[in-house]
Amino acid sequence: MKVYQNGDRYRIMAEINMVPLIDVALVLLIIFMVMTPILVASQIKLNLPGAASGTQSSDKTVEIQIDKGGTIHLQGRAVPVDRLQDRIKSVTAGPSSKHALLITADKDVPFDKVVLVMDAARQVGVQKMSIGVKRIQASSSRH
């Protein structure tokens, strides 16, 4: 609250300071912008097939997920099949063309969906592809 002197009379000028409110709103906006992609990516539920020989990739990977319903997600965002090639190309383009593609598909997804993703990636020039699995213990006796 400011007090102004006008001659011999004082009058009170009531103002609302909007700067702190704007600062708080901008900080909250930035927090939501950063957290949303992380939350969306972690909400895709996949039941991965198991493999004893699964290894961690050392390359920079672009992740494509295919959920049980057959929806394709690129980096956590749903992608229509007709736009898949364009999206893969835009994500893998850049100064480093050494991107590896990691395809993680639910074990109940038909194999033709995985082949469709692999074909789209190969058509845009992706050379390295791998399939995501959950690591299981190797059994000592094989049948």
C-alpha atoms as a PDB file:
ATOM      1  CA  MET A   1       0.000   0.000   0.000  1.00  0.00           C
ATOM      2  CA  LYS A   2       1.424   3.342  -0.984  1.00  0.00           C
ATOM      3  CA  VAL A   3       0.802   6.646   0.700  1.00  0.00           C
ATOM      4  CA  TYR A   4       0.938   9.771  -1.419  1.00  0.00           C
ATOM      5  CA  GLN A   5       1.235  13.272  -0.045  1.00  0.00           C
ATOM      6  CA  ASN A   6      -0.796  15.852  -1.894  1.00  0.00           C
ATOM      7  CA  GLY A   7      -0.229  19.208  -0.265  1.00  0.00           C
ATOM      8  CA  ASP A   8      -1.304  18.854   3.341  1.00  0.00           C
ATOM      9  CA  ARG A   9      -3.648  15.887   2.692  1.00  0.00           C
ATOM     10  CA  TYR A  10      -2.553  12.270   2.602  1.00  0.00           C
ATOM     11  CA  ARG A  11      -4.378   9.736   0.501  1.00  0.00           C
ATOM     12  CA  ILE A  12      -3.922   5.980   0.385  1.00  0.00           C
ATOM     13  CA  MET A  13      -3.414   4.373  -3.021  1.00  0.00           C
ATOM     14  CA  ALA A  14      -4.254   0.653  -2.876  1.00  0.00           C
ATOM     15  CA  GLU A  15      -2.580  -1.421  -5.596  1.00  0.00           C
ATOM     16  CA  ILE A  16      -2.186  -5.142  -6.107  1.00  0.00           C
ATOM     17  CA  ASN A  17       1.357  -6.120  -6.981  1.00  0.00           C
ATOM     18  CA  MET A  18       0.999  -8.647  -9.815  1.00  0.00           C
ATOM     19  CA  VAL A  19       4.703  -9.490 -10.234  1.00  0.00           C
ATOM     20  CA  PRO A  20       4.880 -12.213  -7.526  1.00  0.00           C
ATOM     21  CA  LEU A  21       1.692 -13.804  -8.849  1.00  0.00           C
ATOM     22  CA  ILE A  22       3.104 -13.892 -12.375  1.00  0.00           C
ATOM     23  CA  ASP A  23       6.394 -15.336 -11.095  1.00  0.00           C
ATOM     24  CA  VAL A  24       4.614 -18.173  -9.306  1.00  0.00           C
ATOM     25  CA  ALA A  25       2.422 -18.889 -12.336  1.00  0.00           C
ATOM     26  CA  LEU A  26       5.451 -19.072 -14.652  1.00  0.00           C
ATOM     27  CA  VAL A  27       7.349 -21.391 -12.303  1.00  0.00           C
ATOM     28  CA  LEU A  28       4.335 -23.719 -12.124  1.00  0.00           C
ATOM     29  CA  LEU A  29       4.008 -23.647 -15.914  1.00  0.00           C
ATOM     30  CA  ILE A  30       7.657 -24.619 -16.344  1.00  0.00           C
ATOM     31  CA  ILE A  31       7.325 -27.446 -13.817  1.00  0.00           C
ATOM     32  CA  PHE A  32       4.305 -28.862 -15.651  1.00  0.00           C
ATOM     33  CA  MET A  33       6.023 -28.535 -19.029  1.00  0.00           C
ATOM     34  CA  VAL A  34       9.031 -30.501 -17.780  1.00  0.00           C
ATOM     35  CA  MET A  35       7.102 -33.184 -15.897  1.00  0.00           C
ATOM     36  CA  THR A  36       4.374 -33.958 -18.451  1.00  0.00           C
ATOM     37  CA  PRO A  37       6.530 -35.942 -20.920  1.00  0.00           C
ATOM     38  CA  ILE A  38       8.030 -37.947 -18.062  1.00  0.00           C
ATOM     39  CA  LEU A  39       4.619 -38.795 -16.628  1.00  0.00           C
ATOM     40  CA  VAL A  40       3.158 -39.708 -20.017  1.00  0.00           C
ATOM     41  CA  ALA A  41       6.068 -42.005 -20.882  1.00  0.00           C
ATOM     42  CA  SER A  42       5.841 -43.795 -17.549  1.00  0.00           C
ATOM     43  CA  GLN A  43       2.109 -44.472 -17.937  1.00  0.00           C
ATOM     44  CA  ILE A  44       2.391 -46.768 -20.964  1.00  0.00           C
ATOM     45  CA  LYS A  45       1.913 -50.271 -19.591  1.00  0.00           C
ATOM     46  CA  LEU A  46       3.832 -52.994 -21.409  1.00  0.00           C
ATOM     47  CA  ASN A  47       4.171 -56.655 -20.569  1.00  0.00           C
ATOM     48  CA  LEU A  48       7.524 -57.336 -22.208  1.00  0.00           C
ATOM     49  CA  PRO A  49       8.692 -60.779 -23.254  1.00  0.00           C
ATOM     50  CA  GLY A  50      11.583 -62.163 -21.236  1.00  0.00           C
ATOM     51  CA  ALA A  51      15.096 -63.013 -22.409  1.00  0.00           C
ATOM     52  CA  ALA A  52      18.190 -64.102 -20.531  1.00  0.00           C
ATOM     53  CA  SER A  53      20.580 -62.494 -23.019  1.00  0.00           C
ATOM     54  CA  GLY A  54      19.200 -58.945 -22.785  1.00  0.00           C
ATOM     55  CA  THR A  55      21.889 -56.249 -22.622  1.00  0.00           C
ATOM     56  CA  GLN A  56      21.845 -52.510 -22.048  1.00  0.00           C
ATOM     57  CA  SER A  57      22.339 -50.375 -25.157  1.00  0.00           C
ATOM     58  CA  SER A  58      25.240 -47.930 -25.126  1.00  0.00           C
ATOM     59  CA  ASP A  59      24.093 -45.849 -28.115  1.00  0.00           C
ATOM     60  CA  LYS A  60      21.714 -42.924 -28.045  1.00  0.00           C
ATOM     61  CA  THR A  61      18.367 -44.661 -28.429  1.00  0.00           C
ATOM     62  CA  VAL A  62      15.038 -43.517 -29.772  1.00  0.00           C
ATOM     63  CA  GLU A  63      12.325 -45.528 -28.056  1.00  0.00           C
ATOM     64  CA  ILE A  64       9.195 -46.762 -29.794  1.00  0.00           C
ATOM     65  CA  GLN A  65       6.610 -48.541 -27.671  1.00  0.00           C
ATOM     66  CA  ILE A  66       3.680 -50.622 -28.883  1.00  0.00           C
ATOM     67  CA  ASP A  67       1.054 -51.228 -26.212  1.00  0.00           C
ATOM     68  CA  LYS A  68      -1.365 -54.142 -25.929  1.00  0.00           C
ATOM     69  CA  GLY A  69      -3.993 -52.299 -27.981  1.00  0.00           C
ATOM     70  CA  GLY A  70      -1.551 -51.828 -30.868  1.00  0.00           C
ATOM     71  CA  THR A  71      -1.042 -48.081 -30.333  1.00  0.00           C
ATOM     72  CA  ILE A  72       2.434 -46.934 -31.359  1.00  0.00           C
ATOM     73  CA  HIS A  73       4.198 -44.427 -29.091  1.00  0.00           C
ATOM     74  CA  LEU A  74       7.345 -42.583 -30.179  1.00  0.00           C
ATOM     75  CA  GLN A  75       9.250 -41.108 -27.239  1.00  0.00           C
ATOM     76  CA  GLY A  76       6.071 -41.373 -25.118  1.00  0.00           C
ATOM     77  CA  ARG A  77       3.674 -39.741 -27.600  1.00  0.00           C
ATOM     78  CA  ALA A  78       1.088 -41.649 -29.612  1.00  0.00           C
ATOM     79  CA  VAL A  79       1.792 -41.656 -33.354  1.00  0.00           C
ATOM     80  CA  PRO A  80      -0.662 -42.614 -36.113  1.00  0.00           C
ATOM     81  CA  VAL A  81       0.658 -45.294 -38.481  1.00  0.00           C
ATOM     82  CA  ASP A  82       0.476 -42.985 -41.515  1.00  0.00           C
ATOM     83  CA  ARG A  83       2.752 -40.408 -39.777  1.00  0.00           C
ATOM     84  CA  LEU A  84       5.216 -42.924 -38.313  1.00  0.00           C
ATOM     85  CA  GLN A  85       7.931 -42.540 -40.973  1.00  0.00           C
ATOM     86  CA  ASP A  86       7.850 -38.737 -40.774  1.00  0.00           C
ATOM     87  CA  ARG A  87       8.065 -38.790 -36.975  1.00  0.00           C
ATOM     88  CA  ILE A  88      10.945 -41.282 -36.921  1.00  0.00           C
ATOM     89  CA  LYS A  89      12.778 -39.217 -39.528  1.00  0.00           C
ATOM     90  CA  SER A  90      12.326 -35.991 -37.552  1.00  0.00           C
ATOM     91  CA  VAL A  91      13.526 -37.579 -34.294  1.00  0.00           C
ATOM     92  CA  THR A  92      16.549 -39.328 -35.809  1.00  0.00           C
ATOM     93  CA  ALA A  93      17.582 -36.422 -38.057  1.00  0.00           C
ATOM     94  CA  GLY A  94      20.359 -34.159 -36.908  1.00  0.00           C
ATOM     95  CA  PRO A  95      24.118 -33.928 -36.708  1.00  0.00           C
ATOM     96  CA  SER A  96      24.437 -37.360 -35.110  1.00  0.00           C
ATOM     97  CA  SER A  97      22.832 -39.911 -37.412  1.00  0.00           C
ATOM     98  CA  LYS A  98      24.047 -42.745 -35.143  1.00  0.00           C
ATOM     99  CA  HIS A  99      20.686 -43.149 -33.452  1.00  0.00           C
ATOM    100  CA  ALA A 100      19.623 -46.630 -32.452  1.00  0.00           C
ATOM    101  CA  LEU A 101      15.958 -47.550 -32.414  1.00  0.00           C
ATOM    102  CA  LEU A 102      14.658 -49.469 -29.391  1.00  0.00           C
ATOM    103  CA  ILE A 103      11.319 -51.156 -30.050  1.00  0.00           C
ATOM    104  CA  THR A 104       9.512 -52.287 -26.919  1.00  0.00           C
ATOM    105  CA  ALA A 105       6.290 -54.117 -27.680  1.00  0.00           C
ATOM    106  CA  ASP A 106       3.849 -55.857 -25.384  1.00  0.00           C
ATOM    107  CA  LYS A 107       4.212 -59.625 -25.729  1.00  0.00           C
ATOM    108  CA  ASP A 108       0.573 -59.911 -26.836  1.00  0.00           C
ATOM    109  CA  VAL A 109       0.999 -57.504 -29.782  1.00  0.00           C
ATOM    110  CA  PRO A 110       0.816 -59.188 -33.195  1.00  0.00           C
ATOM    111  CA  PHE A 111       4.264 -59.463 -34.760  1.00  0.00           C
ATOM    112  CA  ASP A 112       3.163 -57.590 -37.883  1.00  0.00           C
ATOM    113  CA  LYS A 113       2.964 -54.359 -35.834  1.00  0.00           C
ATOM    114  CA  VAL A 114       6.617 -54.757 -34.861  1.00  0.00           C
ATOM    115  CA  VAL A 115       7.558 -55.487 -38.479  1.00  0.00           C
ATOM    116  CA  LEU A 116       5.613 -52.390 -39.579  1.00  0.00           C
ATOM    117  CA  VAL A 117       7.657 -50.204 -37.189  1.00  0.00           C
ATOM    118  CA  MET A 118      10.918 -51.823 -38.256  1.00  0.00           C
ATOM    119  CA  ASP A 119      10.076 -51.329 -41.927  1.00  0.00           C
ATOM    120  CA  ALA A 120       9.185 -47.660 -41.400  1.00  0.00           C
ATOM    121  CA  ALA A 121      12.470 -47.092 -39.558  1.00  0.00           C
ATOM    122  CA  ARG A 122      14.509 -48.867 -42.236  1.00  0.00           C
ATOM    123  CA  GLN A 123      12.858 -46.775 -44.973  1.00  0.00           C
ATOM    124  CA  VAL A 124      13.992 -43.529 -43.318  1.00  0.00           C
ATOM    125  CA  GLY A 125      17.550 -44.796 -42.904  1.00  0.00           C
ATOM    126  CA  VAL A 126      17.780 -46.132 -39.341  1.00  0.00           C
ATOM    127  CA  GLN A 127      20.551 -48.742 -39.348  1.00  0.00           C
ATOM    128  CA  LYS A 128      20.560 -49.970 -35.732  1.00  0.00           C
ATOM    129  CA  MET A 129      17.438 -51.486 -34.217  1.00  0.00           C
ATOM    130  CA  SER A 130      16.882 -53.568 -31.120  1.00  0.00           C
ATOM    131  CA  ILE A 131      13.937 -55.171 -29.370  1.00  0.00           C
ATOM    132  CA  GLY A 132      13.228 -54.339 -25.716  1.00  0.00           C
ATOM    133  CA  VAL A 133      12.836 -57.273 -23.336  1.00  0.00           C
ATOM    134  CA  LYS A 134      12.767 -57.762 -19.597  1.00  0.00           C
ATOM    135  CA  ARG A 135      15.759 -59.610 -18.263  1.00  0.00           C
ATOM    136  CA  ILE A 136      15.134 -63.054 -16.762  1.00  0.00           C
ATOM    137  CA  GLN A 137      17.452 -65.519 -15.059  1.00  0.00           C
ATOM    138  CA  ALA A 138      19.027 -68.040 -17.396  1.00  0.00           C
ATOM    139  CA  SER A 139      17.993 -71.580 -16.544  1.00  0.00           C
ATOM    140  CA  SER A 140      20.717 -74.193 -16.221  1.00  0.00           C
ATOM    141  CA  SER A 141      18.804 -76.881 -18.133  1.00  0.00           C
ATOM    142  CA  ARG A 142      17.325 -76.197 -21.554  1.00  0.00           C
ATOM    143  CA  HIS A 143      14.531 -78.324 -22.961  1.00  0.00           C
END
